[in-house]
Amino acid sequence: MENKHVKQEVLLEEIERTREILIHTALKEGLVSENTVKVSQVLDMMLNELEEIY
């Protein structure tokens, strides 16, 4: 049970970092740039993983 909580906390930190990268990339390169889309897809996967933990 504790391991699940630790994994959740780590994932939440990674999600926040990735969200910041996404915002920065989108502002710098635009919403439809290849890099923005890739970061968005990674963020989606992490959010899906977080949903599975809950």
PDB file of N, CA and C in Angstrom:
ATOM      1  N   MET A   1       0.828  -1.204   0.000  1.00  0.00           N
ATOM      2  CA  MET A   1       0.000   0.000   0.000  1.00  0.00           C
ATOM      3  C   MET A   1       0.868   1.262   0.000  1.00  0.00           C
ATOM      4  N   GLU A   2       1.910   1.246   0.819  1.00  0.00           N
ATOM      5  CA  GLU A   2       2.807   2.413   0.887  1.00  0.00           C
ATOM      6  C   GLU A   2       3.531   2.622  -0.444  1.00  0.00           C
ATOM      7  N   ASN A   3       3.909   1.532  -1.095  1.00  0.00           N
ATOM      8  CA  ASN A   3       4.598   1.614  -2.376  1.00  0.00           C
ATOM      9  C   ASN A   3       3.713   2.312  -3.409  1.00  0.00           C
ATOM     10  N   LYS A   4       2.418   2.036  -3.380  1.00  0.00           N
ATOM     11  CA  LYS A   4       1.469   2.674  -4.293  1.00  0.00           C
ATOM     12  C   LYS A   4       1.448   4.181  -4.063  1.00  0.00           C
ATOM     13  N   HIS A   5       1.489   4.583  -2.801  1.00  0.00           N
ATOM     14  CA  HIS A   5       1.471   6.012  -2.466  1.00  0.00           C
ATOM     15  C   HIS A   5       2.754   6.695  -2.955  1.00  0.00           C
ATOM     16  N   VAL A   6       3.879   6.039  -2.775  1.00  0.00           N
ATOM     17  CA  VAL A   6       5.161   6.603  -3.222  1.00  0.00           C
ATOM     18  C   VAL A   6       5.159   6.751  -4.744  1.00  0.00           C
ATOM     19  N   LYS A   7       4.689   5.707  -5.441  1.00  0.00           N
ATOM     20  CA  LYS A   7       4.631   5.764  -6.904  1.00  0.00           C
ATOM     21  C   LYS A   7       3.726   6.905  -7.353  1.00  0.00           C
ATOM     22  N   GLN A   8       2.622   7.081  -6.662  1.00  0.00           N
ATOM     23  CA  GLN A   8       1.677   8.150  -6.988  1.00  0.00           C
ATOM     24  C   GLN A   8       2.335   9.517  -6.817  1.00  0.00           C
ATOM     25  N   GLU A   9       3.060   9.711  -5.734  1.00  0.00           N
ATOM     26  CA  GLU A   9       3.724  10.994  -5.486  1.00  0.00           C
ATOM     27  C   GLU A   9       4.776  11.290  -6.551  1.00  0.00           C
ATOM     28  N   VAL A  10       5.567  10.284  -6.892  1.00  0.00           N
ATOM     29  CA  VAL A  10       6.598  10.458  -7.925  1.00  0.00           C
ATOM     30  C   VAL A  10       5.945  10.797  -9.256  1.00  0.00           C
ATOM     31  N   LEU A  11       4.876  10.091  -9.588  1.00  0.00           N
ATOM     32  CA  LEU A  11       4.172  10.327 -10.846  1.00  0.00           C
ATOM     33  C   LEU A  11       3.579  11.736 -10.884  1.00  0.00           C
ATOM     34  N   LEU A  12       3.020  12.187  -9.778  1.00  0.00           N
ATOM     35  CA  LEU A  12       2.463  13.544  -9.725  1.00  0.00           C
ATOM     36  C   LEU A  12       3.548  14.594  -9.963  1.00  0.00           C
ATOM     37  N   GLU A  13       4.744  14.370  -9.408  1.00  0.00           N
ATOM     38  CA  GLU A  13       5.860  15.302  -9.632  1.00  0.00           C
ATOM     39  C   GLU A  13       6.283  15.287 -11.099  1.00  0.00           C
ATOM     40  N   GLU A  14       6.345  14.103 -11.693  1.00  0.00           N
ATOM     41  CA  GLU A  14       6.708  13.997 -13.111  1.00  0.00           C
ATOM     42  C   GLU A  14       5.665  14.673 -13.991  1.00  0.00           C
ATOM     43  N   ILE A  15       4.403  14.500 -13.643  1.00  0.00           N
ATOM     44  CA  ILE A  15       3.324  15.131 -14.404  1.00  0.00           C
ATOM     45  C   ILE A  15       3.460  16.642 -14.352  1.00  0.00           C
ATOM     46  N   GLU A  16       3.742  17.180 -13.186  1.00  0.00           N
ATOM     47  CA  GLU A  16       3.873  18.633 -13.056  1.00  0.00           C
ATOM     48  C   GLU A  16       5.055  19.152 -13.882  1.00  0.00           C
ATOM     49  N   ARG A  17       6.190  18.449 -13.827  1.00  0.00           N
ATOM     50  CA  ARG A  17       7.352  18.849 -14.631  1.00  0.00           C
ATOM     51  C   ARG A  17       7.028  18.785 -16.124  1.00  0.00           C
ATOM     52  N   THR A  18       6.365  17.733 -16.543  1.00  0.00           N
ATOM     53  CA  THR A  18       6.019  17.572 -17.952  1.00  0.00           C
ATOM     54  C   THR A  18       5.021  18.637 -18.389  1.00  0.00           C
ATOM     55  N   ARG A  19       4.101  18.986 -17.522  1.00  0.00           N
ATOM     56  CA  ARG A  19       3.131  20.044 -17.825  1.00  0.00           C
ATOM     57  C   ARG A  19       3.857  21.381 -18.046  1.00  0.00           C
ATOM     58  N   GLU A  20       4.855  21.649 -17.215  1.00  0.00           N
ATOM     59  CA  GLU A  20       5.634  22.882 -17.383  1.00  0.00           C
ATOM     60  C   GLU A  20       6.402  22.875 -18.707  1.00  0.00           C
ATOM     61  N   ILE A  21       6.966  21.717 -19.045  1.00  0.00           N
ATOM     62  CA  ILE A  21       7.672  21.589 -20.327  1.00  0.00           C
ATOM     63  C   ILE A  21       6.700  21.804 -21.481  1.00  0.00           C
ATOM     64  N   LEU A  22       5.510  21.232 -21.367  1.00  0.00           N
ATOM     65  CA  LEU A  22       4.500  21.378 -22.413  1.00  0.00           C
ATOM     66  C   LEU A  22       4.137  22.845 -22.622  1.00  0.00           C
ATOM     67  N   ILE A  23       3.903  23.556 -21.551  1.00  0.00           N
ATOM     68  CA  ILE A  23       3.547  24.982 -21.651  1.00  0.00           C
ATOM     69  C   ILE A  23       4.684  25.760 -22.307  1.00  0.00           C
ATOM     70  N   HIS A  24       5.901  25.517 -21.856  1.00  0.00           N
ATOM     71  CA  HIS A  24       7.066  26.222 -22.410  1.00  0.00           C
ATOM     72  C   HIS A  24       7.226  25.913 -23.901  1.00  0.00           C
ATOM     73  N   THR A  25       7.108  24.642 -24.248  1.00  0.00           N
ATOM     74  CA  THR A  25       7.270  24.232 -25.646  1.00  0.00           C
ATOM     75  C   THR A  25       6.178  24.840 -26.523  1.00  0.00           C
ATOM     76  N   ALA A  26       4.950  24.812 -26.034  1.00  0.00           N
ATOM     77  CA  ALA A  26       3.832  25.360 -26.812  1.00  0.00           C
ATOM     78  C   ALA A  26       3.996  26.858 -27.032  1.00  0.00           C
ATOM     79  N   LEU A  27       4.440  27.567 -25.999  1.00  0.00           N
ATOM     80  CA  LEU A  27       4.640  29.011 -26.142  1.00  0.00           C
ATOM     81  C   LEU A  27       5.787  29.327 -27.102  1.00  0.00           C
ATOM     82  N   LYS A  28       6.833  28.507 -27.074  1.00  0.00           N
ATOM     83  CA  LYS A  28       8.009  28.748 -27.904  1.00  0.00           C
ATOM     84  C   LYS A  28       7.801  28.298 -29.354  1.00  0.00           C
ATOM     85  N   GLU A  29       7.169  27.126 -29.538  1.00  0.00           N
ATOM     86  CA  GLU A  29       7.101  26.524 -30.871  1.00  0.00           C
ATOM     87  C   GLU A  29       5.700  26.505 -31.478  1.00  0.00           C
ATOM     88  N   GLY A  30       4.699  26.770 -30.663  1.00  0.00           N
ATOM     89  CA  GLY A  30       3.321  26.721 -31.155  1.00  0.00           C
ATOM     90  C   GLY A  30       2.616  25.444 -30.733  1.00  0.00           C
ATOM     91  N   LEU A  31       1.292  25.498 -30.757  1.00  0.00           N
ATOM     92  CA  LEU A  31       0.492  24.379 -30.255  1.00  0.00           C
ATOM     93  C   LEU A  31       0.556  23.139 -31.139  1.00  0.00           C
ATOM     94  N   VAL A  32       0.832  23.311 -32.422  1.00  0.00           N
ATOM     95  CA  VAL A  32       0.821  22.164 -33.331  1.00  0.00           C
ATOM     96  C   VAL A  32       2.217  21.711 -33.752  1.00  0.00           C
ATOM     97  N   SER A  33       3.258  22.208 -33.067  1.00  0.00           N
ATOM     98  CA  SER A  33       4.605  21.768 -33.420  1.00  0.00           C
ATOM     99  C   SER A  33       4.778  20.297 -33.033  1.00  0.00           C
ATOM    100  N   GLU A  34       5.677  19.631 -33.708  1.00  0.00           N
ATOM    101  CA  GLU A  34       5.928  18.209 -33.447  1.00  0.00           C
ATOM    102  C   GLU A  34       6.348  17.986 -31.989  1.00  0.00           C
ATOM    103  N   ASN A  35       7.207  18.849 -31.478  1.00  0.00           N
ATOM    104  CA  ASN A  35       7.668  18.706 -30.092  1.00  0.00           C
ATOM    105  C   ASN A  35       6.529  18.894 -29.091  1.00  0.00           C
ATOM    106  N   THR A  36       5.673  19.869 -29.330  1.00  0.00           N
ATOM    107  CA  THR A  36       4.542  20.110 -28.434  1.00  0.00           C
ATOM    108  C   THR A  36       3.624  18.895 -28.417  1.00  0.00           C
ATOM    109  N   VAL A  37       3.350  18.345 -29.582  1.00  0.00           N
ATOM    110  CA  VAL A  37       2.473  17.173 -29.674  1.00  0.00           C
ATOM    111  C   VAL A  37       3.100  15.981 -28.951  1.00  0.00           C
ATOM    112  N   LYS A  38       4.401  15.773 -29.111  1.00  0.00           N
ATOM    113  CA  LYS A  38       5.082  14.658 -28.448  1.00  0.00           C
ATOM    114  C   LYS A  38       5.006  14.799 -26.928  1.00  0.00           C
ATOM    115  N   VAL A  39       5.284  15.999 -26.416  1.00  0.00           N
ATOM    116  CA  VAL A  39       5.220  16.214 -24.967  1.00  0.00           C
ATOM    117  C   VAL A  39       3.790  16.012 -24.474  1.00  0.00           C
ATOM    118  N   SER A  40       2.829  16.466 -25.236  1.00  0.00           N
ATOM    119  CA  SER A  40       1.425  16.289 -24.875  1.00  0.00           C
ATOM    120  C   SER A  40       1.059  14.809 -24.802  1.00  0.00           C
ATOM    121  N   GLN A  41       1.567  14.024 -25.721  1.00  0.00           N
ATOM    122  CA  GLN A  41       1.291  12.585 -25.717  1.00  0.00           C
ATOM    123  C   GLN A  41       1.908  11.907 -24.499  1.00  0.00           C
ATOM    124  N   VAL A  42       3.121  12.321 -24.139  1.00  0.00           N
ATOM    125  CA  VAL A  42       3.769  11.778 -22.937  1.00  0.00           C
ATOM    126  C   VAL A  42       2.944  12.133 -21.701  1.00  0.00           C
ATOM    127  N   LEU A  43       2.494  13.371 -21.632  1.00  0.00           N
ATOM    128  CA  LEU A  43       1.670  13.811 -20.503  1.00  0.00           C
ATOM    129  C   LEU A  43       0.379  12.997 -20.440  1.00  0.00           C
ATOM    130  N   ASP A  44      -0.246  12.761 -21.571  1.00  0.00           N
ATOM    131  CA  ASP A  44      -1.465  11.942 -21.614  1.00  0.00           C
ATOM    132  C   ASP A  44      -1.215  10.548 -21.055  1.00  0.00           C
ATOM    133  N   MET A  45      -0.099   9.935 -21.445  1.00  0.00           N
ATOM    134  CA  MET A  45       0.224   8.599 -20.948  1.00  0.00           C
ATOM    135  C   MET A  45       0.411   8.609 -19.432  1.00  0.00           C
ATOM    136  N   MET A  46       1.085   9.636 -18.925  1.00  0.00           N
ATOM    137  CA  MET A  46       1.292   9.724 -17.471  1.00  0.00           C
ATOM    138  C   MET A  46      -0.026   9.927 -16.736  1.00  0.00           C
ATOM    139  N   LEU A  47      -0.907  10.738 -17.295  1.00  0.00           N
ATOM    140  CA  LEU A  47      -2.214  10.958 -16.670  1.00  0.00           C
ATOM    141  C   LEU A  47      -3.041   9.669 -16.682  1.00  0.00           C
ATOM    142  N   ASN A  48      -2.947   8.904 -17.756  1.00  0.00           N
ATOM    143  CA  ASN A  48      -3.639   7.618 -17.818  1.00  0.00           C
ATOM    144  C   ASN A  48      -3.087   6.655 -16.768  1.00  0.00           C
ATOM    145  N   GLU A  49      -1.773   6.648 -16.616  1.00  0.00           N
ATOM    146  CA  GLU A  49      -1.153   5.811 -15.606  1.00  0.00           C
ATOM    147  C   GLU A  49      -1.601   6.202 -14.197  1.00  0.00           C
ATOM    148  N   LEU A  50      -1.688   7.505 -13.968  1.00  0.00           N
ATOM    149  CA  LEU A  50      -2.138   7.989 -12.663  1.00  0.00           C
ATOM    150  C   LEU A  50      -3.579   7.550 -12.406  1.00  0.00           C
ATOM    151  N   GLU A  51      -4.397   7.608 -13.430  1.00  0.00           N
ATOM    152  CA  GLU A  51      -5.809   7.202 -13.292  1.00  0.00           C
ATOM    153  C   GLU A  51      -5.911   5.712 -12.925  1.00  0.00           C
ATOM    154  N   GLU A  52      -5.000   4.884 -13.470  1.00  0.00           N
ATOM    155  CA  GLU A  52      -5.007   3.459 -13.164  1.00  0.00           C
ATOM    156  C   GLU A  52      -4.633   3.199 -11.703  1.00  0.00           C
ATOM    157  N   ILE A  53      -3.768   4.060 -11.144  1.00  0.00           N
ATOM    158  CA  ILE A  53      -3.362   3.899  -9.745  1.00  0.00           C
ATOM    159  C   ILE A  53      -4.525   4.165  -8.813  1.00  0.00           C
ATOM    160  N   TYR A  54      -5.324   5.177  -9.141  1.00  0.00           N
ATOM    161  CA  TYR A  54      -6.474   5.522  -8.293  1.00  0.00           C
ATOM    162  C   TYR A  54      -7.487   4.465  -8.396  1.00  0.00           C
TER     163      TYR A  54
END
